[in-house]
């Protein structure tokens, strides 16, 4: 399976950063066994897609409806029209700050698939949930209610992002990541089938950096990474996308 390394710029970046995006695109394709992408603020998607050609540019969310009276929202078709080929759905920051529910995330994922976008559905537990030994049950509940009824590995990926490791400098150990990813793959087999589970990429997200990516990528069920702050700089993101495990 090809690894997938996706940068999430969150609410960062303006037109003056297109040159950095171009550098990332140039430096992040050195290994044939890795797919790389950047999920950018909506204001940068068109400019970036025009600037980097075949490099994958994505959005960070979409609305579940095709059109309508939804001020400030963007449909999946709008993202595609701007040049996006993928989008993140259900990121923990949106679940928390925008109070997104699992049913909303499922509807958004289905809308994005209809629009022809690849979809990364995010799940993960808080620190309290992990310390209370509820981490896997939380992931089970989120997956069960957030995933679309039908899926194909060609358009669906899952990102495991322990909330306690996002922006905190903490990171799950390689063994913790593997445990969660193996659990998720087992759930995918139950929800869909063994073939879909084996072919669906499960990404780790949570303070992924050049210094910890190599160990994470050696785990058998870690199929890539969803990268936050370290994706803002070409040198950092390129080092992650060109991790030593594929050398």
Protein backbone atom coordinates (compact mmCIF):
# COMPACT_ATOMS: atom_id res chain seq x y z
CA UNK A 1 0.00 0.00 0.00
CA UNK A 2 1.26 3.48 -0.85
CA UNK A 3 1.70 5.71 2.19
CA UNK A 4 -0.29 8.96 2.33
CA UNK A 5 1.18 12.08 3.97
CA UNK A 6 -1.27 15.00 4.21
CA UNK A 7 -0.52 18.45 5.54
CA UNK A 8 -3.31 20.39 7.26
CA UNK A 9 -2.53 24.11 7.25
CA UNK A 10 -5.60 24.92 9.38
CA UNK A 11 -6.18 28.73 9.53
CA UNK A 12 -2.75 29.65 8.19
CA UNK A 13 -1.56 31.00 4.87
CA UNK A 14 -2.18 33.83 2.42
CA UNK A 15 -1.15 34.48 -1.17
CA UNK A 16 2.40 35.24 -0.09
CA UNK A 17 2.73 31.60 0.98
CA UNK A 18 2.14 30.14 -2.48
CA UNK A 19 5.90 29.96 -2.97
CA UNK A 20 6.13 27.74 0.15
CA UNK A 21 3.39 25.51 -1.24
CA UNK A 22 5.32 25.22 -4.50
CA UNK A 23 8.45 24.25 -2.57
CA UNK A 24 6.51 21.62 -0.63
CA UNK A 25 5.14 20.16 -3.86
CA UNK A 26 8.61 19.99 -5.38
CA UNK A 27 10.32 18.45 -2.35
CA UNK A 28 7.62 16.02 -1.25
CA UNK A 29 7.53 13.70 -4.24
CA UNK A 30 10.95 12.09 -3.98
CA UNK A 31 9.68 8.60 -3.04
CA UNK A 32 7.54 6.68 -5.50
CA UNK A 33 5.87 4.79 -2.64
CA UNK A 34 4.40 7.92 -1.02
CA UNK A 35 1.44 10.13 -1.96
CA UNK A 36 1.56 13.67 -0.54
CA UNK A 37 -1.11 16.37 -0.31
CA UNK A 38 -1.85 19.69 1.36
CA UNK A 39 -5.25 20.65 2.78
CA UNK A 40 -5.35 24.43 2.69
CA UNK A 41 -7.64 27.30 3.68
CA UNK A 42 -10.33 27.70 1.02
CA UNK A 43 -8.90 31.05 -0.06
CA UNK A 44 -5.71 29.31 -1.23
CA UNK A 45 -7.09 26.23 -2.97
CA UNK A 46 -7.47 27.70 -6.45
CA UNK A 47 -4.16 29.57 -6.38
CA UNK A 48 -2.31 26.54 -5.08
CA UNK A 49 -3.87 24.09 -7.52
CA UNK A 50 -2.92 26.37 -10.40
CA UNK A 51 0.62 26.81 -9.09
CA UNK A 52 1.56 23.19 -8.42
CA UNK A 53 -0.07 21.28 -11.25
CA UNK A 54 -0.47 17.59 -10.40
CA UNK A 55 0.29 17.91 -6.68
CA UNK A 56 -2.83 17.11 -4.62
CA UNK A 57 -4.53 20.09 -2.98
CA UNK A 58 -7.48 19.66 -0.62
CA UNK A 59 -9.92 21.42 1.67
CA UNK A 60 -10.37 21.14 5.43
CA UNK A 61 -14.14 20.67 5.56
CA UNK A 62 -17.24 20.85 3.38
CA UNK A 63 -20.98 21.24 3.85
CA UNK A 64 -23.27 18.27 3.42
CA UNK A 65 -25.64 20.14 1.08
CA UNK A 66 -24.96 20.93 -2.57
CA UNK A 67 -26.21 24.52 -2.31
CA UNK A 68 -28.55 26.71 -0.30
CA UNK A 69 -28.89 29.32 2.44
CA UNK A 70 -25.79 28.33 4.41
CA UNK A 71 -23.88 31.56 4.90
CA UNK A 72 -20.13 31.12 5.10
CA UNK A 73 -20.17 27.44 4.13
CA UNK A 74 -18.66 25.68 1.13
CA UNK A 75 -20.09 22.67 -0.64
CA UNK A 76 -17.97 19.76 -1.81
CA UNK A 77 -18.71 20.75 -5.39
CA UNK A 78 -17.33 24.24 -4.69
CA UNK A 79 -14.11 22.72 -3.34
CA UNK A 80 -13.79 20.54 -6.41
CA UNK A 81 -14.49 23.50 -8.68
CA UNK A 82 -11.68 25.44 -6.98
CA UNK A 83 -9.22 22.64 -7.68
CA UNK A 84 -9.40 20.43 -4.57
CA UNK A 85 -9.16 16.67 -5.00
CA UNK A 86 -9.67 15.72 -1.35
CA UNK A 87 -10.98 17.07 1.94
CA UNK A 88 -10.68 16.44 5.65
CA UNK A 89 -13.96 15.67 7.43
CA UNK A 90 -14.61 15.62 11.18
CA UNK A 91 -11.29 17.02 12.42
CA UNK A 92 -11.24 17.11 16.22
CA UNK A 93 -11.01 20.90 16.23
CA UNK A 94 -14.26 21.11 14.30
CA UNK A 95 -15.91 18.46 16.44
CA UNK A 96 -15.01 20.53 19.52
CA UNK A 97 -15.25 24.17 18.40
CA UNK A 98 -18.05 23.83 15.81
CA UNK A 99 -19.86 21.09 17.77
CA UNK A 100 -20.02 18.82 14.74
CA UNK A 101 -21.86 15.59 15.36
CA UNK A 102 -21.09 12.17 13.94
CA UNK A 103 -24.20 12.29 11.74
CA UNK A 104 -23.02 15.59 10.24
CA UNK A 105 -19.63 14.07 9.50
CA UNK A 106 -21.19 11.07 7.79
CA UNK A 107 -23.36 13.34 5.62
CA UNK A 108 -20.36 15.48 4.70
CA UNK A 109 -18.30 12.44 3.77
CA UNK A 110 -21.07 11.18 1.52
CA UNK A 111 -21.45 14.60 -0.12
CA UNK A 112 -17.72 14.83 -0.75
CA UNK A 113 -17.67 11.38 -2.33
CA UNK A 114 -20.55 12.30 -4.64
CA UNK A 115 -18.57 15.38 -5.71
CA UNK A 116 -15.60 13.18 -6.60
CA UNK A 117 -13.37 14.13 -3.69
CA UNK A 118 -11.18 11.80 -1.68
CA UNK A 119 -12.21 11.92 1.97
CA UNK A 120 -10.24 11.69 5.22
CA UNK A 121 -12.58 10.99 8.15
CA UNK A 122 -11.02 11.86 11.52
CA UNK A 123 -11.59 10.11 14.84
CA UNK A 124 -9.81 10.20 18.18
CA UNK A 125 -10.14 10.48 21.94
CA UNK A 126 -9.41 13.21 24.49
CA UNK A 127 -6.87 12.88 27.29
CA UNK A 128 -9.62 12.25 29.86
CA UNK A 129 -11.06 9.50 27.70
CA UNK A 130 -7.67 7.84 27.28
CA UNK A 131 -6.84 8.05 30.98
CA UNK A 132 -10.28 6.58 31.77
CA UNK A 133 -9.49 3.60 29.50
CA UNK A 134 -12.23 4.65 27.09
CA UNK A 135 -10.07 5.46 24.06
CA UNK A 136 -11.01 2.48 21.90
CA UNK A 137 -14.69 2.71 22.81
CA UNK A 138 -14.69 6.38 21.77
CA UNK A 139 -13.09 5.50 18.45
CA UNK A 140 -15.61 2.69 17.96
CA UNK A 141 -18.53 5.04 18.53
CA UNK A 142 -17.16 7.76 16.26
CA UNK A 143 -16.38 5.35 13.43
CA UNK A 144 -19.71 3.58 13.67
CA UNK A 145 -21.66 6.83 13.33
CA UNK A 146 -19.30 8.89 11.13
CA UNK A 147 -18.47 6.50 8.31
CA UNK A 148 -20.72 6.29 5.24
CA UNK A 149 -22.74 3.13 4.71
CA UNK A 150 -20.71 2.18 1.66
CA UNK A 151 -17.04 2.87 1.10
CA UNK A 152 -14.19 2.15 -1.25
CA UNK A 153 -10.53 2.50 -0.42
CA UNK A 154 -10.05 4.57 -3.57
CA UNK A 155 -11.81 7.54 -1.96
CA UNK A 156 -11.92 6.91 1.80
CA UNK A 157 -9.15 7.18 4.38
CA UNK A 158 -9.41 7.31 8.17
CA UNK A 159 -7.21 9.51 10.36
CA UNK A 160 -6.65 8.53 13.98
CA UNK A 161 -5.84 11.74 15.83
CA UNK A 162 -5.64 11.47 19.61
CA UNK A 163 -6.87 14.89 20.70
CA UNK A 164 -4.38 15.00 23.57
CA UNK A 165 -1.51 14.90 21.08
CA UNK A 166 -2.65 17.72 18.77
CA UNK A 167 -0.71 20.93 19.20
CA UNK A 168 0.57 19.83 22.59
CA UNK A 169 3.96 18.50 21.58
CA UNK A 170 2.90 15.11 22.93
CA UNK A 171 2.70 12.19 20.57
CA UNK A 172 1.37 8.69 20.94
CA UNK A 173 4.08 6.09 21.20
CA UNK A 174 4.60 3.91 18.17
CA UNK A 175 2.91 1.09 20.08
CA UNK A 176 -0.11 3.22 21.05
CA UNK A 177 -0.56 4.32 17.44
CA UNK A 178 -0.33 0.74 16.19
CA UNK A 179 -2.84 -0.48 18.75
CA UNK A 180 -5.40 2.12 17.71
CA UNK A 181 -4.78 1.62 13.99
CA UNK A 182 -5.09 -2.16 14.23
CA UNK A 183 -8.34 -1.69 16.15
CA UNK A 184 -9.65 0.66 13.45
CA UNK A 185 -8.73 -1.78 10.68
CA UNK A 186 -10.63 -4.50 12.50
CA UNK A 187 -13.66 -2.23 12.74
CA UNK A 188 -13.46 -1.44 9.03
CA UNK A 189 -13.57 -5.16 8.32
CA UNK A 190 -16.70 -5.44 10.46
CA UNK A 191 -18.39 -2.37 8.96
CA UNK A 192 -17.49 -3.16 5.35
CA UNK A 193 -15.41 -6.23 4.48
CA UNK A 194 -11.89 -7.56 4.86
CA UNK A 195 -10.79 -6.40 1.42
CA UNK A 196 -11.89 -2.80 2.06
CA UNK A 197 -10.25 -2.83 5.49
CA UNK A 198 -6.95 -4.08 4.10
CA UNK A 199 -6.89 -1.46 1.34
CA UNK A 200 -8.08 1.59 3.34
CA UNK A 201 -5.30 3.89 4.47
CA UNK A 202 -5.32 4.73 8.17
CA UNK A 203 -3.31 7.85 8.98
CA UNK A 204 -1.86 8.95 12.30
CA UNK A 205 -2.36 12.60 13.26
CA UNK A 206 -1.03 14.22 16.41
CA UNK A 207 2.18 16.25 16.59
CA UNK A 208 3.82 14.36 13.72
CA UNK A 209 7.27 15.84 13.19
CA UNK A 210 10.50 14.98 11.37
CA UNK A 211 11.86 13.54 14.61
CA UNK A 212 9.12 10.96 15.21
CA UNK A 213 7.77 10.05 11.77
CA UNK A 214 10.24 7.26 11.00
CA UNK A 215 9.20 5.12 13.95
CA UNK A 216 5.50 5.69 13.35
CA UNK A 217 5.77 4.67 9.71
CA UNK A 218 7.34 1.33 10.61
CA UNK A 219 4.13 0.20 12.30
CA UNK A 220 2.22 -2.28 10.12
CA UNK A 221 -1.15 -0.52 10.35
CA UNK A 222 0.08 3.08 10.09
CA UNK A 223 -0.43 3.96 6.44
CA UNK A 224 0.56 7.61 6.58
CA UNK A 225 0.16 10.79 8.57
CA UNK A 226 -2.04 13.85 8.94
CA UNK A 227 0.44 16.62 9.72
CA UNK A 228 -0.39 19.96 11.35
CA UNK A 229 2.19 22.60 12.23
CA UNK A 230 5.09 20.74 10.64
CA UNK A 231 3.37 20.99 7.24
CA UNK A 232 3.77 24.78 7.12
CA UNK A 233 7.45 24.65 6.20
CA UNK A 234 8.74 22.89 3.10
CA UNK A 235 11.82 21.40 4.75
CA UNK A 236 9.85 19.92 7.65
CA UNK A 237 7.03 18.53 5.55
CA UNK A 238 9.38 17.14 2.93
CA UNK A 239 11.35 15.32 5.62
CA UNK A 240 8.11 13.75 6.85
CA UNK A 241 6.91 12.84 3.34
CA UNK A 242 10.31 11.33 2.58
CA UNK A 243 10.56 9.41 5.85
CA UNK A 244 13.38 6.91 6.11
CA UNK A 245 11.10 3.87 6.36
CA UNK A 246 10.56 3.95 2.60
CA UNK A 247 14.20 4.58 1.70
